[in-house]
Amino acid sequence: MQGDTQAQVPVTVRTFTQLYSCTPRGARLARRLVANRMDVWGFAYDSEVSENVTLVVAELAANAVRHGRVRGRGFRVRLLLRDGVVRVEVADGRTDRLPVPQEPSDDEGGRGLLLVAALAERWGVEPRTGGAYKVVWAEVRTQRAAG
């Protein structure tokens, strides 16, 4: 039996997943641990990529705490680094409240998803099977496109 003789390009996929309490303290811890993970993966704390990913996580975690809280349940942050993109996923227990970007009002809130949209290549929301939770995700490029 003849096999395919073309060499396969190795693909490196790095992942990080952590569950946090659905509290402001949990959101702060998520931001700090994600910044640390980006550093471990080779993106220095003060690099643009690390700051962008950390800011996206901070905004999505704050939204999970503020709008996605379900008594007795936490929220989960998951990072996947593959092919020059970090995919950020934040899962919370509220499936009846899907995030929608809004024009900011005069108060200090309402800008989070606009910021996520500005920093990410793309973002979205996925209700999960069974309706137990939803995932808000964003993809942040780790390298600039040529040209």
N, C-alpha and C. Protein backbone atom coordinates (compact mmCIF):
# COMPACT_ATOMS: atom_id res chain seq x y z
N MET A 1 0.84 -1.17 0.00
CA MET A 1 0.00 0.00 0.00
C MET A 1 0.89 1.24 0.00
N GLN A 2 0.64 2.13 -0.92
CA GLN A 2 1.41 3.36 -1.06
C GLN A 2 0.74 4.46 -0.24
N GLY A 3 1.54 5.14 0.56
CA GLY A 3 1.02 6.26 1.35
C GLY A 3 1.30 7.57 0.64
N ASP A 4 0.68 8.60 1.11
CA ASP A 4 0.92 9.94 0.59
C ASP A 4 2.33 10.35 1.01
N THR A 5 3.17 10.71 0.04
CA THR A 5 4.56 11.03 0.35
C THR A 5 4.80 12.51 0.61
N GLN A 6 3.78 13.34 0.50
CA GLN A 6 3.97 14.76 0.77
C GLN A 6 4.11 14.99 2.27
N ALA A 7 5.05 15.83 2.61
CA ALA A 7 5.27 16.14 4.03
C ALA A 7 4.13 16.99 4.56
N GLN A 8 3.74 16.68 5.74
CA GLN A 8 2.70 17.48 6.38
C GLN A 8 3.37 18.56 7.22
N VAL A 9 2.83 19.75 7.11
CA VAL A 9 3.34 20.86 7.89
C VAL A 9 2.83 20.71 9.32
N PRO A 10 3.73 20.72 10.32
CA PRO A 10 3.25 20.59 11.70
C PRO A 10 2.44 21.82 12.11
N VAL A 11 1.40 21.57 12.86
CA VAL A 11 0.55 22.64 13.36
C VAL A 11 0.67 22.64 14.89
N THR A 12 1.02 23.79 15.42
CA THR A 12 1.10 23.93 16.86
C THR A 12 -0.17 24.62 17.34
N VAL A 13 -0.85 23.97 18.25
CA VAL A 13 -2.05 24.55 18.86
C VAL A 13 -1.79 24.62 20.35
N ARG A 14 -1.89 25.80 20.89
CA ARG A 14 -1.74 25.98 22.32
C ARG A 14 -3.09 26.34 22.89
N THR A 15 -3.40 25.78 24.05
CA THR A 15 -4.68 26.08 24.68
C THR A 15 -4.48 26.41 26.15
N PHE A 16 -5.40 27.18 26.66
CA PHE A 16 -5.46 27.52 28.08
C PHE A 16 -6.93 27.62 28.44
N THR A 17 -7.34 26.93 29.49
CA THR A 17 -8.74 26.97 29.94
C THR A 17 -8.76 27.08 31.45
N GLN A 18 -9.61 27.97 31.95
CA GLN A 18 -9.72 28.15 33.39
C GLN A 18 -11.14 28.57 33.74
N LEU A 19 -11.65 28.05 34.83
CA LEU A 19 -12.96 28.42 35.35
C LEU A 19 -12.76 29.42 36.48
N TYR A 20 -13.59 30.47 36.51
CA TYR A 20 -13.48 31.55 37.49
C TYR A 20 -14.82 31.76 38.19
N SER A 21 -14.76 32.32 39.39
CA SER A 21 -16.00 32.70 40.07
C SER A 21 -16.59 33.89 39.33
N CYS A 22 -17.89 33.95 39.28
CA CYS A 22 -18.58 35.01 38.55
C CYS A 22 -18.69 36.25 39.42
N THR A 23 -17.53 36.83 39.73
CA THR A 23 -17.41 38.00 40.60
C THR A 23 -16.41 38.97 39.98
N PRO A 24 -16.38 40.21 40.41
CA PRO A 24 -15.35 41.13 39.92
C PRO A 24 -13.94 40.59 40.19
N ARG A 25 -13.75 39.92 41.32
CA ARG A 25 -12.44 39.32 41.61
C ARG A 25 -12.09 38.25 40.58
N GLY A 26 -13.07 37.45 40.18
CA GLY A 26 -12.85 36.43 39.16
C GLY A 26 -12.45 37.06 37.83
N ALA A 27 -13.10 38.17 37.46
CA ALA A 27 -12.77 38.87 36.21
C ALA A 27 -11.35 39.42 36.26
N ARG A 28 -10.94 40.00 37.39
CA ARG A 28 -9.56 40.50 37.53
C ARG A 28 -8.55 39.37 37.43
N LEU A 29 -8.84 38.25 38.06
CA LEU A 29 -7.95 37.10 38.02
C LEU A 29 -7.83 36.56 36.59
N ALA A 30 -8.93 36.52 35.86
CA ALA A 30 -8.90 36.07 34.47
C ALA A 30 -7.97 36.95 33.65
N ARG A 31 -8.09 38.26 33.82
CA ARG A 31 -7.23 39.19 33.08
C ARG A 31 -5.76 38.94 33.40
N ARG A 32 -5.44 38.77 34.67
CA ARG A 32 -4.05 38.56 35.07
C ARG A 32 -3.49 37.24 34.57
N LEU A 33 -4.27 36.17 34.69
CA LEU A 33 -3.78 34.87 34.25
C LEU A 33 -3.62 34.80 32.73
N VAL A 34 -4.49 35.48 32.01
CA VAL A 34 -4.36 35.52 30.55
C VAL A 34 -3.11 36.30 30.15
N ALA A 35 -2.83 37.41 30.81
CA ALA A 35 -1.60 38.16 30.53
C ALA A 35 -0.38 37.28 30.79
N ASN A 36 -0.42 36.51 31.87
CA ASN A 36 0.68 35.60 32.17
C ASN A 36 0.81 34.52 31.11
N ARG A 37 -0.32 33.96 30.68
CA ARG A 37 -0.28 32.90 29.66
C ARG A 37 0.28 33.42 28.35
N MET A 38 -0.09 34.64 27.98
CA MET A 38 0.45 35.23 26.75
C MET A 38 1.97 35.38 26.86
N ASP A 39 2.45 35.76 28.03
CA ASP A 39 3.89 35.88 28.25
C ASP A 39 4.56 34.51 28.12
N VAL A 40 3.97 33.49 28.70
CA VAL A 40 4.50 32.13 28.61
C VAL A 40 4.56 31.68 27.14
N TRP A 41 3.59 32.09 26.35
CA TRP A 41 3.56 31.72 24.94
C TRP A 41 4.48 32.58 24.08
N GLY A 42 5.20 33.53 24.69
CA GLY A 42 6.18 34.32 23.95
C GLY A 42 5.74 35.71 23.56
N PHE A 43 4.61 36.16 24.07
CA PHE A 43 4.14 37.52 23.81
C PHE A 43 4.33 38.33 25.09
N ALA A 44 5.32 39.19 25.11
CA ALA A 44 5.68 39.94 26.31
C ALA A 44 4.48 40.72 26.83
N TYR A 45 4.49 40.97 28.13
CA TYR A 45 3.38 41.68 28.78
C TYR A 45 3.05 43.00 28.09
N ASP A 46 4.07 43.73 27.65
CA ASP A 46 3.82 45.05 27.05
C ASP A 46 3.70 45.01 25.53
N SER A 47 3.63 43.80 24.95
CA SER A 47 3.47 43.71 23.49
C SER A 47 2.04 44.04 23.10
N GLU A 48 1.87 44.48 21.88
CA GLU A 48 0.54 44.85 21.37
C GLU A 48 -0.41 43.65 21.40
N VAL A 49 0.10 42.48 21.00
CA VAL A 49 -0.75 41.28 20.97
C VAL A 49 -1.23 40.93 22.38
N SER A 50 -0.31 40.90 23.33
CA SER A 50 -0.68 40.57 24.71
C SER A 50 -1.69 41.56 25.27
N GLU A 51 -1.43 42.84 25.03
CA GLU A 51 -2.36 43.85 25.54
C GLU A 51 -3.73 43.74 24.89
N ASN A 52 -3.78 43.46 23.59
CA ASN A 52 -5.07 43.32 22.90
C ASN A 52 -5.85 42.11 23.41
N VAL A 53 -5.17 40.96 23.53
CA VAL A 53 -5.85 39.76 24.01
C VAL A 53 -6.33 39.96 25.45
N THR A 54 -5.47 40.53 26.28
CA THR A 54 -5.82 40.76 27.68
C THR A 54 -7.00 41.72 27.80
N LEU A 55 -7.02 42.75 26.98
CA LEU A 55 -8.14 43.70 27.02
C LEU A 55 -9.44 43.04 26.55
N VAL A 56 -9.38 42.21 25.52
CA VAL A 56 -10.57 41.49 25.07
C VAL A 56 -11.09 40.59 26.18
N VAL A 57 -10.19 39.85 26.83
CA VAL A 57 -10.61 38.98 27.94
C VAL A 57 -11.21 39.81 29.07
N ALA A 58 -10.59 40.94 29.40
CA ALA A 58 -11.10 41.79 30.47
C ALA A 58 -12.53 42.25 30.17
N GLU A 59 -12.78 42.67 28.95
CA GLU A 59 -14.12 43.15 28.59
C GLU A 59 -15.15 42.02 28.60
N LEU A 60 -14.78 40.87 28.02
CA LEU A 60 -15.73 39.75 27.97
C LEU A 60 -15.97 39.16 29.36
N ALA A 61 -14.93 39.12 30.19
CA ALA A 61 -15.10 38.62 31.56
C ALA A 61 -15.97 39.58 32.37
N ALA A 62 -15.75 40.88 32.21
CA ALA A 62 -16.60 41.86 32.91
C ALA A 62 -18.06 41.71 32.48
N ASN A 63 -18.29 41.48 31.20
CA ASN A 63 -19.66 41.26 30.72
C ASN A 63 -20.25 39.98 31.31
N ALA A 64 -19.44 38.92 31.40
CA ALA A 64 -19.92 37.66 31.98
C ALA A 64 -20.34 37.87 33.43
N VAL A 65 -19.56 38.66 34.17
CA VAL A 65 -19.87 38.93 35.57
C VAL A 65 -21.09 39.84 35.69
N ARG A 66 -21.15 40.88 34.89
CA ARG A 66 -22.23 41.86 34.99
C ARG A 66 -23.55 41.35 34.40
N HIS A 67 -23.48 40.71 33.23
CA HIS A 67 -24.72 40.37 32.51
C HIS A 67 -24.98 38.88 32.38
N GLY A 68 -23.99 38.04 32.67
CA GLY A 68 -24.14 36.60 32.45
C GLY A 68 -24.15 35.77 33.71
N ARG A 69 -24.26 36.43 34.83
CA ARG A 69 -24.16 35.73 36.12
C ARG A 69 -25.40 34.89 36.39
N VAL A 70 -25.14 33.65 36.80
CA VAL A 70 -26.18 32.74 37.27
C VAL A 70 -25.73 32.23 38.63
N ARG A 71 -26.60 32.34 39.60
CA ARG A 71 -26.24 31.97 40.97
C ARG A 71 -25.63 30.57 41.03
N GLY A 72 -24.47 30.47 41.67
CA GLY A 72 -23.83 29.17 41.85
C GLY A 72 -23.00 28.70 40.68
N ARG A 73 -22.88 29.51 39.64
CA ARG A 73 -22.11 29.10 38.46
C ARG A 73 -21.05 30.15 38.15
N GLY A 74 -19.92 29.69 37.69
CA GLY A 74 -18.84 30.58 37.31
C GLY A 74 -18.86 30.86 35.82
N PHE A 75 -17.77 31.44 35.34
CA PHE A 75 -17.59 31.61 33.91
C PHE A 75 -16.25 31.00 33.53
N ARG A 76 -16.12 30.61 32.28
CA ARG A 76 -14.91 29.95 31.80
C ARG A 76 -14.24 30.79 30.73
N VAL A 77 -12.92 30.88 30.81
CA VAL A 77 -12.13 31.52 29.76
C VAL A 77 -11.29 30.45 29.09
N ARG A 78 -11.30 30.48 27.78
CA ARG A 78 -10.50 29.53 27.00
C ARG A 78 -9.76 30.31 25.93
N LEU A 79 -8.45 30.05 25.80
CA LEU A 79 -7.63 30.64 24.74
C LEU A 79 -7.14 29.52 23.85
N LEU A 80 -7.16 29.76 22.55
CA LEU A 80 -6.55 28.85 21.59
C LEU A 80 -5.64 29.67 20.69
N LEU A 81 -4.38 29.29 20.62
CA LEU A 81 -3.42 29.95 19.74
C LEU A 81 -3.11 29.00 18.60
N ARG A 82 -3.44 29.43 17.39
CA ARG A 82 -3.21 28.58 16.23
C ARG A 82 -3.15 29.45 14.98
N ASP A 83 -2.18 29.18 14.14
CA ASP A 83 -2.06 29.83 12.83
C ASP A 83 -2.12 31.35 12.92
N GLY A 84 -1.42 31.93 13.88
CA GLY A 84 -1.34 33.38 13.97
C GLY A 84 -2.56 34.08 14.52
N VAL A 85 -3.44 33.33 15.18
CA VAL A 85 -4.65 33.91 15.76
C VAL A 85 -4.86 33.34 17.16
N VAL A 86 -5.19 34.23 18.09
CA VAL A 86 -5.62 33.79 19.42
C VAL A 86 -7.13 33.91 19.45
N ARG A 87 -7.78 32.78 19.68
CA ARG A 87 -9.24 32.78 19.84
C ARG A 87 -9.53 32.82 21.33
N VAL A 88 -10.27 33.83 21.74
CA VAL A 88 -10.68 34.02 23.12
C VAL A 88 -12.14 33.58 23.21
N GLU A 89 -12.44 32.70 24.17
CA GLU A 89 -13.82 32.29 24.40
C GLU A 89 -14.15 32.50 25.87
N VAL A 90 -15.25 33.16 26.13
CA VAL A 90 -15.74 33.34 27.50
C VAL A 90 -17.15 32.77 27.55
N ALA A 91 -17.33 31.77 28.40
CA ALA A 91 -18.63 31.09 28.52
C ALA A 91 -19.27 31.47 29.85
N ASP A 92 -20.55 31.80 29.81
CA ASP A 92 -21.30 32.07 31.04
C ASP A 92 -22.66 31.39 30.96
N GLY A 93 -23.38 31.43 32.07
CA GLY A 93 -24.62 30.67 32.20
C GLY A 93 -25.89 31.34 31.72
N ARG A 94 -25.83 32.57 31.25
CA ARG A 94 -27.05 33.26 30.82
C ARG A 94 -27.23 33.13 29.32
N THR A 95 -28.18 32.33 28.91
CA THR A 95 -28.43 32.18 27.48
C THR A 95 -29.54 33.10 26.99
N ASP A 96 -30.25 33.72 27.92
CA ASP A 96 -31.36 34.59 27.53
C ASP A 96 -30.88 36.02 27.25
N ARG A 97 -29.63 36.33 27.52
CA ARG A 97 -29.09 37.68 27.32
C ARG A 97 -27.89 37.59 26.39
N LEU A 98 -28.13 37.77 25.12
CA LEU A 98 -27.04 37.73 24.15
C LEU A 98 -26.48 39.13 23.96
N PRO A 99 -25.16 39.25 23.93
CA PRO A 99 -24.56 40.59 23.81
C PRO A 99 -24.77 41.23 22.45
N VAL A 100 -25.02 42.51 22.48
CA VAL A 100 -25.19 43.31 21.27
C VAL A 100 -24.43 44.61 21.47
N PRO A 101 -23.55 44.98 20.53
CA PRO A 101 -22.85 46.25 20.70
C PRO A 101 -23.84 47.40 20.62
N GLN A 102 -23.64 48.39 21.47
CA GLN A 102 -24.52 49.55 21.49
C GLN A 102 -23.68 50.80 21.46
N GLU A 103 -24.27 51.85 20.94
CA GLU A 103 -23.58 53.14 20.99
C GLU A 103 -23.47 53.54 22.46
N PRO A 104 -22.30 54.02 22.85
CA PRO A 104 -22.14 54.38 24.26
C PRO A 104 -23.03 55.55 24.65
N SER A 105 -23.48 55.51 25.89
CA SER A 105 -24.28 56.61 26.43
C SER A 105 -23.35 57.52 27.21
N ASP A 106 -23.89 58.49 27.88
CA ASP A 106 -23.08 59.44 28.64
C ASP A 106 -22.46 58.81 29.89
N ASP A 107 -23.02 57.68 30.36
CA ASP A 107 -22.41 57.06 31.54
C ASP A 107 -21.15 56.31 31.12
N GLU A 108 -20.51 55.64 32.05
CA GLU A 108 -19.22 55.02 31.77
C GLU A 108 -19.34 53.63 31.16
N GLY A 109 -20.52 53.07 31.03
CA GLY A 109 -20.68 51.72 30.51
C GLY A 109 -21.03 51.72 29.03
N GLY A 110 -21.10 50.51 28.47
CA GLY A 110 -21.59 50.36 27.11
C GLY A 110 -20.56 50.36 26.01
N ARG A 111 -19.29 50.46 26.33
CA ARG A 111 -18.26 50.53 25.29
C ARG A 111 -17.51 49.21 25.09
N GLY A 112 -17.72 48.24 25.95
CA GLY A 112 -16.95 47.01 25.94
C GLY A 112 -16.96 46.25 24.62
N LEU A 113 -18.14 46.00 24.08
CA LEU A 113 -18.21 45.23 22.84
C LEU A 113 -17.71 46.03 21.64
N LEU A 114 -17.85 47.36 21.70
CA LEU A 114 -17.27 48.18 20.63
C LEU A 114 -15.75 48.06 20.65
N LEU A 115 -15.18 48.01 21.83
CA LEU A 115 -13.74 47.83 21.98
C LEU A 115 -13.31 46.45 21.49
N VAL A 116 -14.07 45.42 21.85
CA VAL A 116 -13.77 44.07 21.38
C VAL A 116 -13.81 44.03 19.85
N ALA A 117 -14.84 44.63 19.26
CA ALA A 117 -14.96 44.65 17.80
C ALA A 117 -13.79 45.38 17.14
N ALA A 118 -13.27 46.42 17.80
CA ALA A 118 -12.15 47.17 17.24
C ALA A 118 -10.83 46.39 17.33
N LEU A 119 -10.66 45.59 18.37
CA LEU A 119 -9.40 44.87 18.58
C LEU A 119 -9.36 43.52 17.89
N ALA A 120 -10.51 42.93 17.67
CA ALA A 120 -10.57 41.57 17.12
C ALA A 120 -10.79 41.59 15.61
N GLU A 121 -10.29 40.55 14.96
CA GLU A 121 -10.55 40.36 13.53
C GLU A 121 -12.05 40.12 13.32
N ARG A 122 -12.61 39.32 14.22
CA ARG A 122 -14.04 39.04 14.20
C ARG A 122 -14.45 38.53 15.57
N TRP A 123 -15.74 38.58 15.85
CA TRP A 123 -16.24 38.10 17.13
C TRP A 123 -17.68 37.64 16.95
N GLY A 124 -18.20 36.91 17.93
CA GLY A 124 -19.57 36.44 17.83
C GLY A 124 -20.03 35.78 19.11
N VAL A 125 -21.24 35.24 19.05
CA VAL A 125 -21.87 34.58 20.20
C VAL A 125 -22.42 33.26 19.73
N GLU A 126 -22.23 32.22 20.54
CA GLU A 126 -22.75 30.89 20.21
C GLU A 126 -23.48 30.31 21.42
N PRO A 127 -24.82 30.22 21.35
CA PRO A 127 -25.52 29.46 22.39
C PRO A 127 -25.12 27.99 22.25
N ARG A 128 -24.89 27.31 23.32
CA ARG A 128 -24.47 25.92 23.27
C ARG A 128 -25.65 24.97 23.37
N THR A 129 -25.44 23.75 22.91
CA THR A 129 -26.46 22.73 22.90
C THR A 129 -27.07 22.55 24.29
N GLY A 130 -28.36 22.46 24.32
CA GLY A 130 -29.06 22.28 25.58
C GLY A 130 -29.39 23.58 26.29
N GLY A 131 -28.86 24.68 25.78
CA GLY A 131 -29.18 25.97 26.34
C GLY A 131 -28.63 26.22 27.74
N ALA A 132 -27.61 25.47 28.16
CA ALA A 132 -27.07 25.63 29.50
C ALA A 132 -26.14 26.83 29.63
N TYR A 133 -25.54 27.24 28.54
CA TYR A 133 -24.63 28.38 28.57
C TYR A 133 -24.41 28.91 27.17
N LYS A 134 -23.75 30.07 27.10
CA LYS A 134 -23.39 30.65 25.81
C LYS A 134 -21.90 30.96 25.83
N VAL A 135 -21.32 31.07 24.65
CA VAL A 135 -19.90 31.42 24.51
C VAL A 135 -19.82 32.68 23.66
N VAL A 136 -19.16 33.70 24.20
CA VAL A 136 -18.83 34.89 23.43
C VAL A 136 -17.36 34.74 23.06
N TRP A 137 -17.07 34.86 21.78
CA TRP A 137 -15.71 34.62 21.31
C TRP A 137 -15.20 35.79 20.47
N ALA A 138 -13.90 35.89 20.41
CA ALA A 138 -13.25 36.91 19.58
C ALA A 138 -11.92 36.35 19.11
N GLU A 139 -11.53 36.72 17.91
CA GLU A 139 -10.26 36.26 17.35
C GLU A 139 -9.33 37.44 17.14
N VAL A 140 -8.16 37.38 17.79
CA VAL A 140 -7.17 38.45 17.73
C VAL A 140 -5.95 37.93 16.97
N ARG A 141 -5.58 38.63 15.93
CA ARG A 141 -4.42 38.24 15.12
C ARG A 141 -3.14 38.54 15.88
N THR A 142 -2.16 37.60 15.79
CA THR A 142 -0.89 37.79 16.49
C THR A 142 0.18 38.42 15.62
N GLN A 143 -0.09 38.53 14.35
CA GLN A 143 0.86 39.15 13.44
C GLN A 143 0.11 39.97 12.40
N ARG A 144 0.70 41.04 12.00
CA ARG A 144 0.06 41.91 11.00
C ARG A 144 0.14 41.27 9.61
N ALA A 145 -0.89 41.50 8.81
CA ALA A 145 -0.89 41.01 7.44
C ALA A 145 0.13 41.78 6.64
N ALA A 146 0.79 41.10 5.72
CA ALA A 146 1.79 41.76 4.85
C ALA A 146 1.10 42.72 3.88
N GLY A 147 1.76 43.79 3.59
CA GLY A 147 1.21 44.73 2.60
C GLY A 147 0.62 45.86 3.27
